[in-house]
């Protein structure tokens, strides 16, 4: 309606639609709050809260660690979270291109597409 010529925009209808949308949004928020109150596990499934260090630590077993990587063009960042230690963070001087190259080389060593064991190239453990 807003893109219609001025004499066809029907301002009263537009205002009614805006009021209806506002009312529906309010009802939706009220229903979401009621679902969160009555069914918290279901609400968490629909709209999970962002992971925090504390929530992650509670979910981890004593012998587990969560490692999260982010690769930029020239640098990588890694976070490690365990159940009972403070979160660790490191910056690495390696970018996504170098990591992609090394991963491709590793995969080639692990799955070289050869027919016999004798044809498998040596694996570079270094």
C-alpha atoms as a PDB file:
ATOM      1  CA  UNK A   1       0.000   0.000   0.000  1.00  0.00           C
ATOM      2  CA  UNK A   2       2.874   2.346   0.692  1.00  0.00           C
ATOM      3  CA  UNK A   3       4.081   2.018  -2.884  1.00  0.00           C
ATOM      4  CA  UNK A   4       0.637   2.754  -4.337  1.00  0.00           C
ATOM      5  CA  UNK A   5      -0.192   6.210  -5.699  1.00  0.00           C
ATOM      6  CA  UNK A   6      -1.106   8.635  -2.894  1.00  0.00           C
ATOM      7  CA  UNK A   7      -4.835   8.526  -3.654  1.00  0.00           C
ATOM      8  CA  UNK A   8      -4.825   4.683  -3.293  1.00  0.00           C
ATOM      9  CA  UNK A   9      -2.757   4.280  -0.116  1.00  0.00           C
ATOM     10  CA  UNK A  10      -5.723   4.032   2.286  1.00  0.00           C
ATOM     11  CA  UNK A  11      -4.148   5.551   5.434  1.00  0.00           C
ATOM     12  CA  UNK A  12      -6.853   4.182   7.752  1.00  0.00           C
ATOM     13  CA  UNK A  13      -6.271   0.630   6.513  1.00  0.00           C
ATOM     14  CA  UNK A  14      -2.503   1.065   6.867  1.00  0.00           C
ATOM     15  CA  UNK A  15      -2.922   2.262  10.447  1.00  0.00           C
ATOM     16  CA  UNK A  16      -5.182  -0.724  11.239  1.00  0.00           C
ATOM     17  CA  UNK A  17      -2.563  -3.102   9.785  1.00  0.00           C
ATOM     18  CA  UNK A  18       0.198  -1.448  11.840  1.00  0.00           C
ATOM     19  CA  UNK A  19      -1.915  -1.733  15.001  1.00  0.00           C
ATOM     20  CA  UNK A  20      -2.670  -5.406  14.243  1.00  0.00           C
ATOM     21  CA  UNK A  21       1.027  -6.145  13.712  1.00  0.00           C
ATOM     22  CA  UNK A  22       1.926  -4.461  17.003  1.00  0.00           C
ATOM     23  CA  UNK A  23      -0.789  -6.438  18.802  1.00  0.00           C
ATOM     24  CA  UNK A  24       0.311  -9.734  17.232  1.00  0.00           C
ATOM     25  CA  UNK A  25       3.940  -9.077  18.181  1.00  0.00           C
ATOM     26  CA  UNK A  26       2.885  -8.421  21.761  1.00  0.00           C
ATOM     27  CA  UNK A  27       0.788 -11.609  21.866  1.00  0.00           C
ATOM     28  CA  UNK A  28       3.681 -13.577  20.410  1.00  0.00           C
ATOM     29  CA  UNK A  29       6.070 -12.273  23.066  1.00  0.00           C
ATOM     30  CA  UNK A  30       3.565 -13.117  25.812  1.00  0.00           C
ATOM     31  CA  UNK A  31       3.194 -16.655  24.433  1.00  0.00           C
ATOM     32  CA  UNK A  32       6.967 -17.076  24.187  1.00  0.00           C
ATOM     33  CA  UNK A  33       7.322 -16.027  27.840  1.00  0.00           C
ATOM     34  CA  UNK A  34       4.589 -18.457  28.877  1.00  0.00           C
ATOM     35  CA  UNK A  35       6.290 -21.303  26.973  1.00  0.00           C
ATOM     36  CA  UNK A  36       9.628 -20.409  28.603  1.00  0.00           C
ATOM     37  CA  UNK A  37       7.963 -20.497  32.022  1.00  0.00           C
ATOM     38  CA  UNK A  38       5.960 -23.720  31.522  1.00  0.00           C
ATOM     39  CA  UNK A  39       8.321 -25.630  29.223  1.00  0.00           C
ATOM     40  CA  UNK A  40      11.878 -24.310  29.722  1.00  0.00           C
ATOM     41  CA  UNK A  41      13.573 -27.267  28.002  1.00  0.00           C
ATOM     42  CA  UNK A  42      11.392 -26.847  24.902  1.00  0.00           C
ATOM     43  CA  UNK A  43      12.020 -23.093  24.860  1.00  0.00           C
ATOM     44  CA  UNK A  44      15.773 -23.739  25.062  1.00  0.00           C
ATOM     45  CA  UNK A  45      15.454 -26.107  22.101  1.00  0.00           C
ATOM     46  CA  UNK A  46      13.613 -23.492  20.007  1.00  0.00           C
ATOM     47  CA  UNK A  47      15.833 -20.571  20.909  1.00  0.00           C
ATOM     48  CA  UNK A  48      19.020 -21.779  22.561  1.00  0.00           C
ATOM     49  CA  UNK A  49      20.872 -19.250  24.631  1.00  0.00           C
ATOM     50  CA  UNK A  50      24.369 -18.411  23.422  1.00  0.00           C
ATOM     51  CA  UNK A  51      27.071 -20.576  24.920  1.00  0.00           C
ATOM     52  CA  UNK A  52      28.957 -18.989  27.766  1.00  0.00           C
ATOM     53  CA  UNK A  53      32.114 -20.259  29.405  1.00  0.00           C
ATOM     54  CA  UNK A  54      30.165 -21.137  32.550  1.00  0.00           C
ATOM     55  CA  UNK A  55      27.424 -23.049  30.681  1.00  0.00           C
ATOM     56  CA  UNK A  56      30.015 -24.851  28.601  1.00  0.00           C
ATOM     57  CA  UNK A  57      31.987 -25.879  31.693  1.00  0.00           C
ATOM     58  CA  UNK A  58      28.841 -27.270  33.296  1.00  0.00           C
ATOM     59  CA  UNK A  59      28.148 -29.379  30.199  1.00  0.00           C
ATOM     60  CA  UNK A  60      31.672 -30.802  29.975  1.00  0.00           C
ATOM     61  CA  UNK A  61      32.823 -33.979  31.686  1.00  0.00           C
ATOM     62  CA  UNK A  62      36.066 -33.820  33.702  1.00  0.00           C
ATOM     63  CA  UNK A  63      38.098 -35.439  30.912  1.00  0.00           C
ATOM     64  CA  UNK A  64      36.630 -33.346  28.056  1.00  0.00           C
ATOM     65  CA  UNK A  65      37.721 -30.104  26.438  1.00  0.00           C
ATOM     66  CA  UNK A  66      35.962 -27.861  23.954  1.00  0.00           C
ATOM     67  CA  UNK A  67      38.320 -26.430  21.343  1.00  0.00           C
ATOM     68  CA  UNK A  68      37.051 -23.725  19.022  1.00  0.00           C
ATOM     69  CA  UNK A  69      39.003 -22.356  16.067  1.00  0.00           C
ATOM     70  CA  UNK A  70      38.660 -19.274  13.909  1.00  0.00           C
ATOM     71  CA  UNK A  71      40.881 -18.803  10.881  1.00  0.00           C
ATOM     72  CA  UNK A  72      41.470 -15.401   9.381  1.00  0.00           C
ATOM     73  CA  UNK A  73      43.524 -14.589   6.296  1.00  0.00           C
ATOM     74  CA  UNK A  74      46.853 -14.377   8.147  1.00  0.00           C
ATOM     75  CA  UNK A  75      46.120 -15.409  11.702  1.00  0.00           C
ATOM     76  CA  UNK A  76      44.174 -18.050  13.601  1.00  0.00           C
ATOM     77  CA  UNK A  77      42.580 -17.930  17.023  1.00  0.00           C
ATOM     78  CA  UNK A  78      41.903 -20.906  19.254  1.00  0.00           C
ATOM     79  CA  UNK A  79      39.937 -21.157  22.475  1.00  0.00           C
ATOM     80  CA  UNK A  80      39.990 -24.118  24.842  1.00  0.00           C
ATOM     81  CA  UNK A  81      37.536 -24.655  27.685  1.00  0.00           C
ATOM     82  CA  UNK A  82      37.746 -27.432  30.255  1.00  0.00           C
ATOM     83  CA  UNK A  83      35.445 -28.277  33.122  1.00  0.00           C
ATOM     84  CA  UNK A  84      37.638 -26.975  35.919  1.00  0.00           C
ATOM     85  CA  UNK A  85      40.137 -24.477  34.484  1.00  0.00           C
ATOM     86  CA  UNK A  86      39.789 -20.958  33.227  1.00  0.00           C
ATOM     87  CA  UNK A  87      39.367 -20.648  29.473  1.00  0.00           C
ATOM     88  CA  UNK A  88      42.578 -20.552  27.457  1.00  0.00           C
ATOM     89  CA  UNK A  89      43.108 -18.414  24.366  1.00  0.00           C
ATOM     90  CA  UNK A  90      45.908 -18.353  21.797  1.00  0.00           C
ATOM     91  CA  UNK A  91      46.663 -16.521  18.598  1.00  0.00           C
ATOM     92  CA  UNK A  92      48.536 -18.468  15.929  1.00  0.00           C
ATOM     93  CA  UNK A  93      50.598 -17.017  13.096  1.00  0.00           C
ATOM     94  CA  UNK A  94      48.908 -19.166  10.466  1.00  0.00           C
ATOM     95  CA  UNK A  95      46.064 -18.182   8.162  1.00  0.00           C
ATOM     96  CA  UNK A  96      43.311 -20.140   6.437  1.00  0.00           C
ATOM     97  CA  UNK A  97      45.310 -20.600   3.208  1.00  0.00           C
ATOM     98  CA  UNK A  98      48.234 -22.246   5.008  1.00  0.00           C
ATOM     99  CA  UNK A  99      45.916 -24.435   7.095  1.00  0.00           C
ATOM    100  CA  UNK A 100      43.965 -25.496   3.993  1.00  0.00           C
ATOM    101  CA  UNK A 101      47.239 -26.444   2.300  1.00  0.00           C
ATOM    102  CA  UNK A 102      48.387 -28.499   5.302  1.00  0.00           C
ATOM    103  CA  UNK A 103      44.994 -30.205   5.676  1.00  0.00           C
ATOM    104  CA  UNK A 104      45.012 -31.126   1.971  1.00  0.00           C
ATOM    105  CA  UNK A 105      48.507 -32.595   2.370  1.00  0.00           C
ATOM    106  CA  UNK A 106      47.437 -34.546   5.460  1.00  0.00           C
ATOM    107  CA  UNK A 107      44.364 -35.907   3.689  1.00  0.00           C
ATOM    108  CA  UNK A 108      46.465 -36.910   0.702  1.00  0.00           C
ATOM    109  CA  UNK A 109      48.722 -38.874   3.034  1.00  0.00           C
ATOM    110  CA  UNK A 110      45.761 -40.569   4.706  1.00  0.00           C
ATOM    111  CA  UNK A 111      43.733 -41.261   1.560  1.00  0.00           C
ATOM    112  CA  UNK A 112      46.081 -41.307  -1.392  1.00  0.00           C
ATOM    113  CA  UNK A 113      43.730 -43.283  -3.658  1.00  0.00           C
ATOM    114  CA  UNK A 114      46.171 -46.152  -4.174  1.00  0.00           C
ATOM    115  CA  UNK A 115      45.229 -49.752  -4.899  1.00  0.00           C
ATOM    116  CA  UNK A 116      47.743 -51.572  -2.686  1.00  0.00           C
ATOM    117  CA  UNK A 117      49.500 -51.015   0.633  1.00  0.00           C
ATOM    118  CA  UNK A 118      52.856 -50.881  -1.140  1.00  0.00           C
ATOM    119  CA  UNK A 119      51.735 -47.786  -3.063  1.00  0.00           C
ATOM    120  CA  UNK A 120      50.895 -45.746   0.051  1.00  0.00           C
ATOM    121  CA  UNK A 121      53.304 -42.789   0.242  1.00  0.00           C
ATOM    122  CA  UNK A 122      55.246 -42.266   3.478  1.00  0.00           C
ATOM    123  CA  UNK A 123      53.364 -40.284   6.107  1.00  0.00           C
ATOM    124  CA  UNK A 124      55.117 -37.115   7.220  1.00  0.00           C
ATOM    125  CA  UNK A 125      54.756 -37.325  11.002  1.00  0.00           C
ATOM    126  CA  UNK A 126      56.626 -34.066  11.492  1.00  0.00           C
END
